[in-house]
Amino acid sequence: EFFTDALVTYRRIDNHRGVIGATMNLGLLKKNACEFEAALALFNKSMALAKQHALHGIRISLLLNIGIVYFKQGRHRDASEMFIRARRLAREAGDEGKAARATTSLGRVQIQLGNFRRAEQLLLEGRVLAEKNRQQRSLALADEFLGELAEAKGDLEAALANYELALELAKQ
């Protein structure tokens, strides 16, 4: 309700950044409620506006969120494409934080695609970027996904070690 009210207000005062942000936040609510088609519609609406107004930082966030929705839907190749685009834009913008998130997310997709060597490269690269930029959440996710990789490869001892490391970071 709050985001819908905000959206109406931003539209009334012709504030493009506000309209995009409120629409994206409504999309996040739909994503978290697993209403994936509704989330994608809202994210795509935000993306069109962000492109129109050359708001590249917001586009990176939207690409990441669209990729997450595709991942949750099992559309791993589509998710990979979104994360690759987000990574490229983040690098071009010099945003190492978003580059870390995109790289780590891309690594997770590679696990699902069975590309374990590439997954490990990406996850370790994402972890280094997250550590460099003091991104605790991204660091914990990198360790969690390294656990998923170890589990997918059948190395349950390494998986447990990575999950425990991720859990400790999450607790902090």
C-alpha atoms as a PDB file:
ATOM      1  CA  GLU A   1       0.000   0.000   0.000  1.00  0.00           C
ATOM      2  CA  PHE A   2       2.820   2.392   0.912  1.00  0.00           C
ATOM      3  CA  PHE A   3       4.663   1.768  -2.366  1.00  0.00           C
ATOM      4  CA  THR A   4       1.460   2.104  -4.371  1.00  0.00           C
ATOM      5  CA  ASP A   5       0.738   5.433  -2.671  1.00  0.00           C
ATOM      6  CA  ALA A   6       4.315   6.537  -3.322  1.00  0.00           C
ATOM      7  CA  LEU A   7       4.015   5.531  -6.969  1.00  0.00           C
ATOM      8  CA  VAL A   8       0.888   7.658  -7.395  1.00  0.00           C
ATOM      9  CA  THR A   9       2.609  10.622  -5.752  1.00  0.00           C
ATOM     10  CA  TYR A  10       5.767  10.289  -7.847  1.00  0.00           C
ATOM     11  CA  ARG A  11       3.702  10.052 -11.018  1.00  0.00           C
ATOM     12  CA  ARG A  12       1.731  13.158 -10.031  1.00  0.00           C
ATOM     13  CA  ILE A  13       4.886  15.236  -9.487  1.00  0.00           C
ATOM     14  CA  ASP A  14       6.611  13.688 -12.540  1.00  0.00           C
ATOM     15  CA  ASN A  15       9.551  12.297 -10.518  1.00  0.00           C
ATOM     16  CA  HIS A  16      10.994   9.565 -12.780  1.00  0.00           C
ATOM     17  CA  ARG A  17      13.484   8.214 -10.244  1.00  0.00           C
ATOM     18  CA  GLY A  18      10.707   7.918  -7.644  1.00  0.00           C
ATOM     19  CA  VAL A  19       8.367   6.154 -10.081  1.00  0.00           C
ATOM     20  CA  ILE A  20      11.115   3.682 -10.975  1.00  0.00           C
ATOM     21  CA  GLY A  21      12.028   3.083  -7.330  1.00  0.00           C
ATOM     22  CA  ALA A  22       8.449   2.561  -6.178  1.00  0.00           C
ATOM     23  CA  THR A  23       7.726   0.242  -9.109  1.00  0.00           C
ATOM     24  CA  MET A  24      10.897  -1.720  -8.417  1.00  0.00           C
ATOM     25  CA  ASN A  25       9.979  -2.017  -4.727  1.00  0.00           C
ATOM     26  CA  LEU A  26       6.543  -3.331  -5.663  1.00  0.00           C
ATOM     27  CA  GLY A  27       8.376  -5.866  -7.841  1.00  0.00           C
ATOM     28  CA  LEU A  28      10.545  -6.868  -4.891  1.00  0.00           C
ATOM     29  CA  LEU A  29       7.435  -7.492  -2.802  1.00  0.00           C
ATOM     30  CA  LYS A  30       6.020  -9.695  -5.569  1.00  0.00           C
ATOM     31  CA  LYS A  31       9.370 -11.511  -5.948  1.00  0.00           C
ATOM     32  CA  ASN A  32       9.523 -12.221  -2.217  1.00  0.00           C
ATOM     33  CA  ALA A  33       5.925 -13.498  -2.316  1.00  0.00           C
ATOM     34  CA  CYS A  34       6.929 -15.834  -5.195  1.00  0.00           C
ATOM     35  CA  GLU A  35       4.543 -14.045  -7.567  1.00  0.00           C
ATOM     36  CA  PHE A  36       7.169 -14.214 -10.269  1.00  0.00           C
ATOM     37  CA  GLU A  37       5.204 -13.125 -13.325  1.00  0.00           C
ATOM     38  CA  ALA A  38       3.902 -10.036 -11.522  1.00  0.00           C
ATOM     39  CA  ALA A  39       7.436  -9.286 -10.292  1.00  0.00           C
ATOM     40  CA  LEU A  40       8.828  -9.564 -13.823  1.00  0.00           C
ATOM     41  CA  ALA A  41       6.138  -7.250 -15.190  1.00  0.00           C
ATOM     42  CA  LEU A  42       6.994  -4.605 -12.582  1.00  0.00           C
ATOM     43  CA  PHE A  43      10.753  -5.017 -13.044  1.00  0.00           C
ATOM     44  CA  ASN A  44      10.396  -4.747 -16.825  1.00  0.00           C
ATOM     45  CA  LYS A  45       8.281  -1.603 -16.453  1.00  0.00           C
ATOM     46  CA  SER A  46      10.987  -0.119 -14.202  1.00  0.00           C
ATOM     47  CA  MET A  47      13.682  -1.204 -16.669  1.00  0.00           C
ATOM     48  CA  ALA A  48      11.995   0.577 -19.565  1.00  0.00           C
ATOM     49  CA  LEU A  49      11.805   3.794 -17.536  1.00  0.00           C
ATOM     50  CA  ALA A  50      15.397   3.437 -16.299  1.00  0.00           C
ATOM     51  CA  LYS A  51      16.616   3.018 -19.890  1.00  0.00           C
ATOM     52  CA  GLN A  52      14.551   5.989 -21.031  1.00  0.00           C
ATOM     53  CA  HIS A  53      16.095   8.208 -18.347  1.00  0.00           C
ATOM     54  CA  ALA A  54      19.622   6.712 -18.543  1.00  0.00           C
ATOM     55  CA  LEU A  55      19.655   5.553 -14.905  1.00  0.00           C
ATOM     56  CA  HIS A  56      22.343   2.880 -15.216  1.00  0.00           C
ATOM     57  CA  GLY A  57      22.746   2.137 -11.501  1.00  0.00           C
ATOM     58  CA  ILE A  58      19.082   1.258 -11.213  1.00  0.00           C
ATOM     59  CA  ARG A  59      19.304  -0.874 -14.361  1.00  0.00           C
ATOM     60  CA  ILE A  60      22.022  -2.981 -12.734  1.00  0.00           C
ATOM     61  CA  SER A  61      19.805  -3.636  -9.704  1.00  0.00           C
ATOM     62  CA  LEU A  62      16.882  -4.494 -11.944  1.00  0.00           C
ATOM     63  CA  LEU A  63      18.973  -6.921 -14.005  1.00  0.00           C
ATOM     64  CA  LEU A  64      20.066  -8.622 -10.779  1.00  0.00           C
ATOM     65  CA  ASN A  65      16.469  -8.918  -9.576  1.00  0.00           C
ATOM     66  CA  ILE A  66      15.209 -10.185 -12.926  1.00  0.00           C
ATOM     67  CA  GLY A  67      18.022 -12.734 -12.891  1.00  0.00           C
ATOM     68  CA  ILE A  68      17.010 -13.891  -9.415  1.00  0.00           C
ATOM     69  CA  VAL A  69      13.407 -14.365 -10.550  1.00  0.00           C
ATOM     70  CA  TYR A  70      14.550 -16.349 -13.593  1.00  0.00           C
ATOM     71  CA  PHE A  71      16.778 -18.462 -11.339  1.00  0.00           C
ATOM     72  CA  LYS A  72      13.857 -19.202  -9.003  1.00  0.00           C
ATOM     73  CA  GLN A  73      11.755 -20.166 -12.026  1.00  0.00           C
ATOM     74  CA  GLY A  74      14.453 -22.597 -13.187  1.00  0.00           C
ATOM     75  CA  ARG A  75      15.185 -20.454 -16.247  1.00  0.00           C
ATOM     76  CA  HIS A  76      18.931 -20.721 -15.719  1.00  0.00           C
ATOM     77  CA  ARG A  77      20.074 -19.595 -19.171  1.00  0.00           C
ATOM     78  CA  ASP A  78      17.891 -16.473 -18.935  1.00  0.00           C
ATOM     79  CA  ALA A  79      19.211 -15.833 -15.430  1.00  0.00           C
ATOM     80  CA  SER A  80      22.762 -16.198 -16.695  1.00  0.00           C
ATOM     81  CA  GLU A  81      22.111 -13.609 -19.403  1.00  0.00           C
ATOM     82  CA  MET A  82      20.762 -11.108 -16.846  1.00  0.00           C
ATOM     83  CA  PHE A  83      23.715 -11.606 -14.512  1.00  0.00           C
ATOM     84  CA  ILE A  84      26.204 -11.234 -17.376  1.00  0.00           C
ATOM     85  CA  ARG A  85      24.558  -7.958 -18.388  1.00  0.00           C
ATOM     86  CA  ALA A  86      24.478  -6.715 -14.790  1.00  0.00           C
ATOM     87  CA  ARG A  87      28.140  -7.626 -14.346  1.00  0.00           C
ATOM     88  CA  ARG A  88      29.163  -5.807 -17.510  1.00  0.00           C
ATOM     89  CA  LEU A  89      27.219  -2.655 -16.586  1.00  0.00           C
ATOM     90  CA  ALA A  90      28.560  -2.718 -13.021  1.00  0.00           C
ATOM     91  CA  ARG A  91      32.127  -3.005 -14.280  1.00  0.00           C
ATOM     92  CA  GLU A  92      31.579  -0.170 -16.753  1.00  0.00           C
ATOM     93  CA  ALA A  93      30.183   1.982 -13.946  1.00  0.00           C
ATOM     94  CA  GLY A  94      33.026   1.039 -11.599  1.00  0.00           C
ATOM     95  CA  ASP A  95      30.535  -0.380  -9.085  1.00  0.00           C
ATOM     96  CA  GLU A  96      32.470  -3.255  -7.531  1.00  0.00           C
ATOM     97  CA  GLY A  97      29.690  -3.953  -5.046  1.00  0.00           C
ATOM     98  CA  LYS A  98      27.129  -4.724  -7.721  1.00  0.00           C
ATOM     99  CA  ALA A  99      29.814  -6.465  -9.786  1.00  0.00           C
ATOM    100  CA  ALA A 100      30.412  -8.769  -6.802  1.00  0.00           C
ATOM    101  CA  ARG A 101      26.710  -9.566  -6.538  1.00  0.00           C
ATOM    102  CA  ALA A 102      26.414 -10.221 -10.272  1.00  0.00           C
ATOM    103  CA  THR A 103      29.557 -12.361 -10.360  1.00  0.00           C
ATOM    104  CA  THR A 104      28.451 -14.453  -7.398  1.00  0.00           C
ATOM    105  CA  SER A 105      24.959 -14.877  -8.827  1.00  0.00           C
ATOM    106  CA  LEU A 106      26.412 -15.899 -12.179  1.00  0.00           C
ATOM    107  CA  GLY A 107      28.561 -18.473 -10.380  1.00  0.00           C
ATOM    108  CA  ARG A 108      25.479 -19.936  -8.737  1.00  0.00           C
ATOM    109  CA  VAL A 109      23.770 -20.286 -12.105  1.00  0.00           C
ATOM    110  CA  GLN A 110      26.814 -22.087 -13.480  1.00  0.00           C
ATOM    111  CA  ILE A 111      26.393 -24.708 -10.751  1.00  0.00           C
ATOM    112  CA  GLN A 112      22.862 -25.385 -12.014  1.00  0.00           C
ATOM    113  CA  LEU A 113      24.155 -25.589 -15.586  1.00  0.00           C
ATOM    114  CA  GLY A 114      26.805 -28.128 -14.525  1.00  0.00           C
ATOM    115  CA  ASN A 115      29.741 -25.827 -15.321  1.00  0.00           C
ATOM    116  CA  PHE A 116      31.554 -26.460 -12.048  1.00  0.00           C
ATOM    117  CA  ARG A 117      34.961 -25.104 -13.026  1.00  0.00           C
ATOM    118  CA  ARG A 118      33.466 -21.820 -14.253  1.00  0.00           C
ATOM    119  CA  ALA A 119      31.192 -21.673 -11.203  1.00  0.00           C
ATOM    120  CA  GLU A 120      34.176 -21.934  -8.876  1.00  0.00           C
ATOM    121  CA  GLN A 121      36.084 -19.219 -10.742  1.00  0.00           C
ATOM    122  CA  LEU A 122      33.132 -16.843 -10.575  1.00  0.00           C
ATOM    123  CA  LEU A 123      32.296 -17.575  -6.941  1.00  0.00           C
ATOM    124  CA  LEU A 124      35.882 -17.023  -5.830  1.00  0.00           C
ATOM    125  CA  GLU A 125      36.102 -13.820  -7.875  1.00  0.00           C
ATOM    126  CA  GLY A 126      32.821 -12.613  -6.373  1.00  0.00           C
ATOM    127  CA  ARG A 127      34.036 -13.497  -2.897  1.00  0.00           C
ATOM    128  CA  VAL A 128      37.254 -11.503  -3.373  1.00  0.00           C
ATOM    129  CA  LEU A 129      35.283  -8.475  -4.608  1.00  0.00           C
ATOM    130  CA  ALA A 130      32.832  -8.761  -1.706  1.00  0.00           C
ATOM    131  CA  GLU A 131      35.660  -9.005   0.806  1.00  0.00           C
ATOM    132  CA  LYS A 132      37.493  -6.062  -0.771  1.00  0.00           C
ATOM    133  CA  ASN A 133      34.342  -3.932  -0.579  1.00  0.00           C
ATOM    134  CA  ARG A 134      33.377  -5.127   2.900  1.00  0.00           C
ATOM    135  CA  GLN A 135      30.056  -6.569   1.739  1.00  0.00           C
ATOM    136  CA  GLN A 136      29.189  -9.029   4.486  1.00  0.00           C
ATOM    137  CA  ARG A 137      25.977 -10.211   2.840  1.00  0.00           C
ATOM    138  CA  SER A 138      27.656 -10.884  -0.506  1.00  0.00           C
ATOM    139  CA  LEU A 139      30.550 -12.570   1.268  1.00  0.00           C
ATOM    140  CA  ALA A 140      28.158 -14.876   3.133  1.00  0.00           C
ATOM    141  CA  LEU A 141      26.311 -15.657  -0.101  1.00  0.00           C
ATOM    142  CA  ALA A 142      29.572 -16.475  -1.884  1.00  0.00           C
ATOM    143  CA  ASP A 143      30.437 -18.947   0.864  1.00  0.00           C
ATOM    144  CA  GLU A 144      26.932 -20.419   0.776  1.00  0.00           C
ATOM    145  CA  PHE A 145      27.135 -20.867  -2.994  1.00  0.00           C
ATOM    146  CA  LEU A 146      30.621 -22.387  -2.680  1.00  0.00           C
ATOM    147  CA  GLY A 147      28.916 -24.850  -0.340  1.00  0.00           C
ATOM    148  CA  GLU A 148      26.304 -25.558  -3.009  1.00  0.00           C
ATOM    149  CA  LEU A 149      29.106 -26.154  -5.505  1.00  0.00           C
ATOM    150  CA  ALA A 150      30.909 -28.562  -3.190  1.00  0.00           C
ATOM    151  CA  GLU A 151      27.635 -30.370  -2.533  1.00  0.00           C
ATOM    152  CA  ALA A 152      26.901 -30.624  -6.269  1.00  0.00           C
ATOM    153  CA  LYS A 153      30.361 -32.145  -6.745  1.00  0.00           C
ATOM    154  CA  GLY A 154      29.696 -34.643  -3.935  1.00  0.00           C
ATOM    155  CA  ASP A 155      32.200 -33.152  -1.473  1.00  0.00           C
ATOM    156  CA  LEU A 156      29.940 -32.979   1.562  1.00  0.00           C
ATOM    157  CA  GLU A 157      32.766 -32.160   3.983  1.00  0.00           C
ATOM    158  CA  ALA A 158      33.727 -29.052   1.994  1.00  0.00           C
ATOM    159  CA  ALA A 159      30.041 -28.171   1.575  1.00  0.00           C
ATOM    160  CA  LEU A 160      29.514 -28.290   5.334  1.00  0.00           C
ATOM    161  CA  ALA A 161      32.613 -26.141   5.941  1.00  0.00           C
ATOM    162  CA  ASN A 162      31.398 -23.503   3.486  1.00  0.00           C
ATOM    163  CA  TYR A 163      27.861 -23.527   4.871  1.00  0.00           C
ATOM    164  CA  GLU A 164      29.197 -23.090   8.401  1.00  0.00           C
ATOM    165  CA  LEU A 165      31.405 -20.206   7.276  1.00  0.00           C
ATOM    166  CA  ALA A 166      28.413 -18.577   5.548  1.00  0.00           C
ATOM    167  CA  LEU A 167      26.308 -19.059   8.660  1.00  0.00           C
ATOM    168  CA  GLU A 168      28.937 -17.385  10.867  1.00  0.00           C
ATOM    169  CA  LEU A 169      29.106 -14.411   8.494  1.00  0.00           C
ATOM    170  CA  ALA A 170      25.319 -14.201   8.435  1.00  0.00           C
ATOM    171  CA  LYS A 171      25.176 -14.192  12.234  1.00  0.00           C
ATOM    172  CA  GLN A 172      27.642 -11.281  12.311  1.00  0.00           C
END
